[in-house]
């Protein structure tokens, strides 16, 4: 339920709105596709992709394209973020 609520109520596309110059729509779509957050993709298709990853231990990607698993570990156990 939490996934479906977040997928329908959050607006990751807004991160790209208001930039000057505005990024091409195709570039925004590509960035959102890379993290499985494209609102143009049906929510059940996105959920299916996410759920398949969860079965294999992958909780997906953040909007910054970092692994959610790393973020959870950092927040739960106080692990420092990985060095880029």
PDB file of N, CA and C in Angstrom:
ATOM      1  N   UNK A   1       0.821  -1.193   0.000  1.00  0.00           N
ATOM      2  CA  UNK A   1       0.000   0.000   0.000  1.00  0.00           C
ATOM      3  C   UNK A   1       0.867   1.260   0.000  1.00  0.00           C
ATOM      4  N   UNK A   2       1.969   1.249   0.755  1.00  0.00           N
ATOM      5  CA  UNK A   2       2.825   2.428   0.831  1.00  0.00           C
ATOM      6  C   UNK A   2       3.394   2.769  -0.547  1.00  0.00           C
ATOM      7  N   UNK A   3       3.786   1.737  -1.304  1.00  0.00           N
ATOM      8  CA  UNK A   3       4.320   1.997  -2.642  1.00  0.00           C
ATOM      9  C   UNK A   3       3.265   2.676  -3.502  1.00  0.00           C
ATOM     10  N   UNK A   4       2.074   2.134  -3.513  1.00  0.00           N
ATOM     11  CA  UNK A   4       1.015   2.682  -4.360  1.00  0.00           C
ATOM     12  C   UNK A   4       0.649   4.102  -3.934  1.00  0.00           C
ATOM     13  N   UNK A   5       0.626   4.360  -2.648  1.00  0.00           N
ATOM     14  CA  UNK A   5       0.345   5.711  -2.168  1.00  0.00           C
ATOM     15  C   UNK A   5       1.429   6.681  -2.624  1.00  0.00           C
ATOM     16  N   UNK A   6       2.679   6.309  -2.432  1.00  0.00           N
ATOM     17  CA  UNK A   6       3.785   7.178  -2.853  1.00  0.00           C
ATOM     18  C   UNK A   6       3.789   7.368  -4.363  1.00  0.00           C
ATOM     19  N   UNK A   7       3.567   6.301  -5.099  1.00  0.00           N
ATOM     20  CA  UNK A   7       3.619   6.372  -6.566  1.00  0.00           C
ATOM     21  C   UNK A   7       2.516   7.249  -7.147  1.00  0.00           C
ATOM     22  N   UNK A   8       1.406   7.361  -6.451  1.00  0.00           N
ATOM     23  CA  UNK A   8       0.296   8.151  -6.988  1.00  0.00           C
ATOM     24  C   UNK A   8       0.252   9.572  -6.424  1.00  0.00           C
ATOM     25  N   UNK A   9       0.903   9.818  -5.285  1.00  0.00           N
ATOM     26  CA  UNK A   9       0.787  11.131  -4.655  1.00  0.00           C
ATOM     27  C   UNK A   9       2.034  11.996  -4.767  1.00  0.00           C
ATOM     28  N   UNK A  10       3.200  11.394  -4.871  1.00  0.00           N
ATOM     29  CA  UNK A  10       4.426  12.180  -5.005  1.00  0.00           C
ATOM     30  C   UNK A  10       4.623  12.574  -6.465  1.00  0.00           C
ATOM     31  N   UNK A  11       5.352  13.637  -6.685  1.00  0.00           N
ATOM     32  CA  UNK A  11       5.541  14.150  -8.040  1.00  0.00           C
ATOM     33  C   UNK A  11       7.027  14.341  -8.347  1.00  0.00           C
ATOM     34  N   UNK A  12       7.743  13.256  -8.680  1.00  0.00           N
ATOM     35  CA  UNK A  12       9.171  13.403  -8.957  1.00  0.00           C
ATOM     36  C   UNK A  12       9.456  14.263 -10.189  1.00  0.00           C
ATOM     37  N   UNK A  13       8.485  14.384 -11.086  1.00  0.00           N
ATOM     38  CA  UNK A  13       8.671  15.220 -12.273  1.00  0.00           C
ATOM     39  C   UNK A  13       8.862  16.695 -11.883  1.00  0.00           C
ATOM     40  N   UNK A  14       8.314  17.092 -10.744  1.00  0.00           N
ATOM     41  CA  UNK A  14       8.430  18.490 -10.312  1.00  0.00           C
ATOM     42  C   UNK A  14       9.875  18.892 -10.045  1.00  0.00           C
ATOM     43  N   UNK A  15      10.732  17.908  -9.811  1.00  0.00           N
ATOM     44  CA  UNK A  15      12.154  18.205  -9.599  1.00  0.00           C
ATOM     45  C   UNK A  15      12.779  18.885 -10.825  1.00  0.00           C
ATOM     46  N   UNK A  16      12.217  18.624 -11.982  1.00  0.00           N
ATOM     47  CA  UNK A  16      12.773  19.157 -13.228  1.00  0.00           C
ATOM     48  C   UNK A  16      12.030  20.401 -13.717  1.00  0.00           C
ATOM     49  N   UNK A  17      10.883  20.686 -13.130  1.00  0.00           N
ATOM     50  CA  UNK A  17      10.103  21.848 -13.545  1.00  0.00           C
ATOM     51  C   UNK A  17      10.735  23.120 -12.996  1.00  0.00           C
ATOM     52  N   UNK A  18      10.636  24.186 -13.724  1.00  0.00           N
ATOM     53  CA  UNK A  18      11.151  25.464 -13.268  1.00  0.00           C
ATOM     54  C   UNK A  18      12.631  25.661 -13.510  1.00  0.00           C
ATOM     55  N   UNK A  19      13.284  24.708 -14.117  1.00  0.00           N
ATOM     56  CA  UNK A  19      14.704  24.894 -14.442  1.00  0.00           C
ATOM     57  C   UNK A  19      14.827  25.796 -15.653  1.00  0.00           C
ATOM     58  N   UNK A  20      15.899  26.535 -15.672  1.00  0.00           N
ATOM     59  CA  UNK A  20      16.112  27.449 -16.785  1.00  0.00           C
ATOM     60  C   UNK A  20      17.487  27.174 -17.366  1.00  0.00           C
ATOM     61  N   UNK A  21      17.593  26.689 -18.562  1.00  0.00           N
ATOM     62  CA  UNK A  21      16.520  26.370 -19.496  1.00  0.00           C
ATOM     63  C   UNK A  21      15.858  25.054 -19.097  1.00  0.00           C
ATOM     64  N   UNK A  22      14.601  24.884 -19.469  1.00  0.00           N
ATOM     65  CA  UNK A  22      13.910  23.640 -19.131  1.00  0.00           C
ATOM     66  C   UNK A  22      14.530  22.452 -19.868  1.00  0.00           C
ATOM     67  N   UNK A  23      14.695  21.331 -19.166  1.00  0.00           N
ATOM     68  CA  UNK A  23      15.245  20.152 -19.847  1.00  0.00           C
ATOM     69  C   UNK A  23      14.230  19.592 -20.833  1.00  0.00           C
ATOM     70  N   UNK A  24      14.699  18.957 -21.895  1.00  0.00           N
ATOM     71  CA  UNK A  24      13.767  18.333 -22.840  1.00  0.00           C
ATOM     72  C   UNK A  24      12.917  17.263 -22.142  1.00  0.00           C
ATOM     73  N   UNK A  25      11.677  17.161 -22.550  1.00  0.00           N
ATOM     74  CA  UNK A  25      10.759  16.180 -21.960  1.00  0.00           C
ATOM     75  C   UNK A  25      11.338  14.778 -22.065  1.00  0.00           C
ATOM     76  N   UNK A  26      11.964  14.469 -23.196  1.00  0.00           N
ATOM     77  CA  UNK A  26      12.547  13.131 -23.376  1.00  0.00           C
ATOM     78  C   UNK A  26      13.646  12.866 -22.347  1.00  0.00           C
ATOM     79  N   UNK A  27      14.426  13.888 -22.005  1.00  0.00           N
ATOM     80  CA  UNK A  27      15.489  13.718 -21.012  1.00  0.00           C
ATOM     81  C   UNK A  27      14.896  13.491 -19.624  1.00  0.00           C
ATOM     82  N   UNK A  28      13.841  14.203 -19.294  1.00  0.00           N
ATOM     83  CA  UNK A  28      13.172  14.020 -18.005  1.00  0.00           C
ATOM     84  C   UNK A  28      12.570  12.620 -17.945  1.00  0.00           C
ATOM     85  N   UNK A  29      11.887  12.213 -19.017  1.00  0.00           N
ATOM     86  CA  UNK A  29      11.306  10.866 -19.058  1.00  0.00           C
ATOM     87  C   UNK A  29      12.381   9.803 -18.888  1.00  0.00           C
ATOM     88  N   UNK A  30      13.509   9.985 -19.539  1.00  0.00           N
ATOM     89  CA  UNK A  30      14.600   9.015 -19.447  1.00  0.00           C
ATOM     90  C   UNK A  30      15.144   8.939 -18.019  1.00  0.00           C
ATOM     91  N   UNK A  31      15.329  10.098 -17.380  1.00  0.00           N
ATOM     92  CA  UNK A  31      15.829  10.122 -16.002  1.00  0.00           C
ATOM     93  C   UNK A  31      14.837   9.445 -15.059  1.00  0.00           C
ATOM     94  N   UNK A  32      13.553   9.704 -15.247  1.00  0.00           N
ATOM     95  CA  UNK A  32      12.538   9.098 -14.389  1.00  0.00           C
ATOM     96  C   UNK A  32      12.389   7.603 -14.677  1.00  0.00           C
ATOM     97  N   UNK A  33      12.554   7.196 -15.928  1.00  0.00           N
ATOM     98  CA  UNK A  33      12.522   5.764 -16.264  1.00  0.00           C
ATOM     99  C   UNK A  33      13.670   5.025 -15.583  1.00  0.00           C
ATOM    100  N   UNK A  34      14.840   5.666 -15.499  1.00  0.00           N
ATOM    101  CA  UNK A  34      16.014   5.026 -14.912  1.00  0.00           C
ATOM    102  C   UNK A  34      15.803   4.669 -13.443  1.00  0.00           C
ATOM    103  N   UNK A  35      14.946   5.423 -12.756  1.00  0.00           N
ATOM    104  CA  UNK A  35      14.686   5.158 -11.345  1.00  0.00           C
ATOM    105  C   UNK A  35      13.269   4.630 -11.102  1.00  0.00           C
ATOM    106  N   UNK A  36      12.586   4.243 -12.187  1.00  0.00           N
ATOM    107  CA  UNK A  36      11.244   3.659 -12.130  1.00  0.00           C
ATOM    108  C   UNK A  36      10.231   4.600 -11.478  1.00  0.00           C
ATOM    109  N   UNK A  37      10.315   5.899 -11.803  1.00  0.00           N
ATOM    110  CA  UNK A  37       9.414   6.888 -11.225  1.00  0.00           C
ATOM    111  C   UNK A  37       8.667   7.697 -12.278  1.00  0.00           C
ATOM    112  N   UNK A  38       8.636   7.217 -13.510  1.00  0.00           N
ATOM    113  CA  UNK A  38       7.992   7.978 -14.573  1.00  0.00           C
ATOM    114  C   UNK A  38       6.477   7.876 -14.441  1.00  0.00           C
ATOM    115  N   UNK A  39       5.836   9.020 -14.202  1.00  0.00           N
ATOM    116  CA  UNK A  39       4.384   9.029 -14.033  1.00  0.00           C
ATOM    117  C   UNK A  39       3.641   8.723 -15.329  1.00  0.00           C
ATOM    118  N   UNK A  40       4.343   8.679 -16.444  1.00  0.00           N
ATOM    119  CA  UNK A  40       3.726   8.308 -17.714  1.00  0.00           C
ATOM    120  C   UNK A  40       3.647   6.789 -17.883  1.00  0.00           C
ATOM    121  N   UNK A  41       4.355   6.049 -17.036  1.00  0.00           N
ATOM    122  CA  UNK A  41       4.289   4.586 -17.028  1.00  0.00           C
ATOM    123  C   UNK A  41       3.186   4.190 -16.053  1.00  0.00           C
ATOM    124  N   UNK A  42       2.299   3.287 -16.436  1.00  0.00           N
ATOM    125  CA  UNK A  42       1.214   2.888 -15.527  1.00  0.00           C
ATOM    126  C   UNK A  42       1.757   2.427 -14.171  1.00  0.00           C
ATOM    127  N   UNK A  43       1.074   2.843 -13.106  1.00  0.00           N
ATOM    128  CA  UNK A  43       1.536   2.559 -11.754  1.00  0.00           C
ATOM    129  C   UNK A  43       1.664   1.058 -11.489  1.00  0.00           C
ATOM    130  N   UNK A  44       0.792   0.254 -12.040  1.00  0.00           N
ATOM    131  CA  UNK A  44       0.903  -1.194 -11.810  1.00  0.00           C
ATOM    132  C   UNK A  44       2.128  -1.785 -12.506  1.00  0.00           C
ATOM    133  N   UNK A  45       2.517  -1.232 -13.641  1.00  0.00           N
ATOM    134  CA  UNK A  45       3.745  -1.679 -14.308  1.00  0.00           C
ATOM    135  C   UNK A  45       4.964  -1.302 -13.468  1.00  0.00           C
ATOM    136  N   UNK A  46       4.958  -0.085 -12.906  1.00  0.00           N
ATOM    137  CA  UNK A  46       6.067   0.339 -12.039  1.00  0.00           C
ATOM    138  C   UNK A  46       6.123  -0.514 -10.777  1.00  0.00           C
ATOM    139  N   UNK A  47       4.954  -0.800 -10.201  1.00  0.00           N
ATOM    140  CA  UNK A  47       4.906  -1.626  -8.999  1.00  0.00           C
ATOM    141  C   UNK A  47       5.437  -3.032  -9.289  1.00  0.00           C
ATOM    142  N   UNK A  48       5.056  -3.586 -10.416  1.00  0.00           N
ATOM    143  CA  UNK A  48       5.504  -4.927 -10.785  1.00  0.00           C
ATOM    144  C   UNK A  48       7.030  -4.982 -10.896  1.00  0.00           C
ATOM    145  N   UNK A  49       7.615  -3.972 -11.528  1.00  0.00           N
ATOM    146  CA  UNK A  49       9.071  -3.911 -11.664  1.00  0.00           C
ATOM    147  C   UNK A  49       9.729  -3.790 -10.287  1.00  0.00           C
ATOM    148  N   UNK A  50       9.164  -2.920  -9.431  1.00  0.00           N
ATOM    149  CA  UNK A  50       9.704  -2.743  -8.089  1.00  0.00           C
ATOM    150  C   UNK A  50       9.582  -4.028  -7.279  1.00  0.00           C
ATOM    151  N   UNK A  51       8.409  -4.663  -7.316  1.00  0.00           N
ATOM    152  CA  UNK A  51       8.175  -5.893  -6.545  1.00  0.00           C
ATOM    153  C   UNK A  51       9.120  -7.004  -6.987  1.00  0.00           C
ATOM    154  N   UNK A  52       9.393  -7.097  -8.294  1.00  0.00           N
ATOM    155  CA  UNK A  52      10.340  -8.092  -8.786  1.00  0.00           C
ATOM    156  C   UNK A  52      11.721  -7.844  -8.192  1.00  0.00           C
ATOM    157  N   UNK A  53      12.122  -6.589  -8.084  1.00  0.00           N
ATOM    158  CA  UNK A  53      13.405  -6.257  -7.465  1.00  0.00           C
ATOM    159  C   UNK A  53      13.426  -6.621  -5.987  1.00  0.00           C
ATOM    160  N   UNK A  54      12.317  -6.357  -5.290  1.00  0.00           N
ATOM    161  CA  UNK A  54      12.243  -6.657  -3.861  1.00  0.00           C
ATOM    162  C   UNK A  54      12.434  -8.150  -3.621  1.00  0.00           C
ATOM    163  N   UNK A  55      11.849  -8.979  -4.473  1.00  0.00           N
ATOM    164  CA  UNK A  55      12.004 -10.432  -4.347  1.00  0.00           C
ATOM    165  C   UNK A  55      13.483 -10.814  -4.402  1.00  0.00           C
ATOM    166  N   UNK A  56      14.270 -10.036  -5.131  1.00  0.00           N
ATOM    167  CA  UNK A  56      15.700 -10.312  -5.272  1.00  0.00           C
ATOM    168  C   UNK A  56      16.553  -9.455  -4.334  1.00  0.00           C
ATOM    169  N   UNK A  57      15.922  -8.794  -3.361  1.00  0.00           N
ATOM    170  CA  UNK A  57      16.667  -8.021  -2.368  1.00  0.00           C
ATOM    171  C   UNK A  57      16.995  -6.601  -2.774  1.00  0.00           C
ATOM    172  N   UNK A  58      16.416  -6.114  -3.861  1.00  0.00           N
ATOM    173  CA  UNK A  58      16.689  -4.762  -4.340  1.00  0.00           C
ATOM    174  C   UNK A  58      15.444  -3.903  -4.114  1.00  0.00           C
ATOM    175  N   UNK A  59      15.559  -2.888  -3.275  1.00  0.00           N
ATOM    176  CA  UNK A  59      14.417  -2.030  -2.964  1.00  0.00           C
ATOM    177  C   UNK A  59      14.262  -0.863  -3.945  1.00  0.00           C
ATOM    178  N   UNK A  60      15.073  -0.814  -4.960  1.00  0.00           N
ATOM    179  CA  UNK A  60      14.931   0.220  -5.978  1.00  0.00           C
ATOM    180  C   UNK A  60      15.973   1.310  -5.850  1.00  0.00           C
ATOM    181  N   UNK A  61      15.689   2.442  -6.492  1.00  0.00           N
ATOM    182  CA  UNK A  61      16.622   3.574  -6.556  1.00  0.00           C
ATOM    183  C   UNK A  61      15.953   4.817  -5.999  1.00  0.00           C
ATOM    184  N   UNK A  62      16.748   5.718  -5.438  1.00  0.00           N
ATOM    185  CA  UNK A  62      16.241   7.010  -5.001  1.00  0.00           C
ATOM    186  C   UNK A  62      16.122   7.928  -6.214  1.00  0.00           C
ATOM    187  N   UNK A  63      15.553   9.096  -6.024  1.00  0.00           N
ATOM    188  CA  UNK A  63      15.440  10.057  -7.119  1.00  0.00           C
ATOM    189  C   UNK A  63      16.817  10.475  -7.628  1.00  0.00           C
ATOM    190  N   UNK A  64      17.847  10.351  -6.783  1.00  0.00           N
ATOM    191  CA  UNK A  64      19.227  10.655  -7.191  1.00  0.00           C
ATOM    192  C   UNK A  64      19.925   9.455  -7.802  1.00  0.00           C
ATOM    193  N   UNK A  65      19.174   8.372  -8.048  1.00  0.00           N
ATOM    194  CA  UNK A  65      19.663   7.139  -8.655  1.00  0.00           C
ATOM    195  C   UNK A  65      20.668   6.399  -7.765  1.00  0.00           C
ATOM    196  N   UNK A  66      20.533   6.558  -6.450  1.00  0.00           N
ATOM    197  CA  UNK A  66      21.323   5.794  -5.486  1.00  0.00           C
ATOM    198  C   UNK A  66      20.473   4.619  -5.006  1.00  0.00           C
ATOM    199  N   UNK A  67      21.097   3.516  -4.586  1.00  0.00           N
ATOM    200  CA  UNK A  67      20.314   2.368  -4.107  1.00  0.00           C
ATOM    201  C   UNK A  67      19.553   2.692  -2.823  1.00  0.00           C
ATOM    202  N   UNK A  68      18.286   2.347  -2.778  1.00  0.00           N
ATOM    203  CA  UNK A  68      17.472   2.536  -1.569  1.00  0.00           C
ATOM    204  C   UNK A  68      18.039   1.698  -0.435  1.00  0.00           C
ATOM    205  N   UNK A  69      18.549   0.509  -0.747  1.00  0.00           N
ATOM    206  CA  UNK A  69      19.130  -0.357   0.291  1.00  0.00           C
ATOM    207  C   UNK A  69      20.216   0.392   1.063  1.00  0.00           C
ATOM    208  N   UNK A  70      21.090   1.123   0.354  1.00  0.00           N
ATOM    209  CA  UNK A  70      22.155   1.883   1.017  1.00  0.00           C
ATOM    210  C   UNK A  70      21.576   2.978   1.901  1.00  0.00           C
ATOM    211  N   UNK A  71      20.556   3.647   1.420  1.00  0.00           N
ATOM    212  CA  UNK A  71      19.930   4.728   2.177  1.00  0.00           C
ATOM    213  C   UNK A  71      19.286   4.196   3.451  1.00  0.00           C
ATOM    214  N   UNK A  72      18.625   3.058   3.366  1.00  0.00           N
ATOM    215  CA  UNK A  72      18.010   2.469   4.555  1.00  0.00           C
ATOM    216  C   UNK A  72      19.086   2.066   5.563  1.00  0.00           C
ATOM    217  N   UNK A  73      20.156   1.452   5.079  1.00  0.00           N
ATOM    218  CA  UNK A  73      21.250   1.080   5.970  1.00  0.00           C
ATOM    219  C   UNK A  73      21.863   2.289   6.649  1.00  0.00           C
ATOM    220  N   UNK A  74      22.027   3.349   5.909  1.00  0.00           N
ATOM    221  CA  UNK A  74      22.606   4.569   6.471  1.00  0.00           C
ATOM    222  C   UNK A  74      21.700   5.132   7.549  1.00  0.00           C
ATOM    223  N   UNK A  75      20.416   5.163   7.290  1.00  0.00           N
ATOM    224  CA  UNK A  75      19.481   5.757   8.254  1.00  0.00           C
ATOM    225  C   UNK A  75      19.241   4.849   9.462  1.00  0.00           C
ATOM    226  N   UNK A  76      19.232   3.550   9.251  1.00  0.00           N
ATOM    227  CA  UNK A  76      18.971   2.630  10.363  1.00  0.00           C
ATOM    228  C   UNK A  76      20.200   2.433  11.241  1.00  0.00           C
ATOM    229  N   UNK A  77      21.334   2.289  10.625  1.00  0.00           N
ATOM    230  CA  UNK A  77      22.529   1.891  11.367  1.00  0.00           C
ATOM    231  C   UNK A  77      23.556   3.014  11.466  1.00  0.00           C
ATOM    232  N   UNK A  78      23.248   4.166  10.927  1.00  0.00           N
ATOM    233  CA  UNK A  78      24.176   5.282  11.026  1.00  0.00           C
ATOM    234  C   UNK A  78      25.403   5.122  10.156  1.00  0.00           C
ATOM    235  N   UNK A  79      25.299   4.290   9.122  1.00  0.00           N
ATOM    236  CA  UNK A  79      26.435   4.106   8.226  1.00  0.00           C
ATOM    237  C   UNK A  79      26.646   5.385   7.416  1.00  0.00           C
ATOM    238  N   UNK A  80      27.899   5.772   7.212  1.00  0.00           N
ATOM    239  CA  UNK A  80      28.128   6.956   6.388  1.00  0.00           C
ATOM    240  C   UNK A  80      27.739   6.679   4.937  1.00  0.00           C
ATOM    241  N   UNK A  81      27.342   7.714   4.196  1.00  0.00           N
ATOM    242  CA  UNK A  81      27.008   7.498   2.787  1.00  0.00           C
ATOM    243  C   UNK A  81      28.249   7.056   2.014  1.00  0.00           C
ATOM    244  N   UNK A  82      28.069   6.252   0.963  1.00  0.00           N
ATOM    245  CA  UNK A  82      29.224   5.794   0.179  1.00  0.00           C
ATOM    246  C   UNK A  82      29.905   6.979  -0.487  1.00  0.00           C
ATOM    247  N   UNK A  83      31.188   6.899  -0.606  1.00  0.00           N
ATOM    248  CA  UNK A  83      31.970   7.954  -1.278  1.00  0.00           C
ATOM    249  C   UNK A  83      31.822   7.811  -2.780  1.00  0.00           C
ATOM    250  N   UNK A  84      31.612   8.924  -3.456  1.00  0.00           N
ATOM    251  CA  UNK A  84      31.447   8.898  -4.913  1.00  0.00           C
ATOM    252  C   UNK A  84      32.765   8.953  -5.621  1.00  0.00           C
TER     253      UNK A  84
END
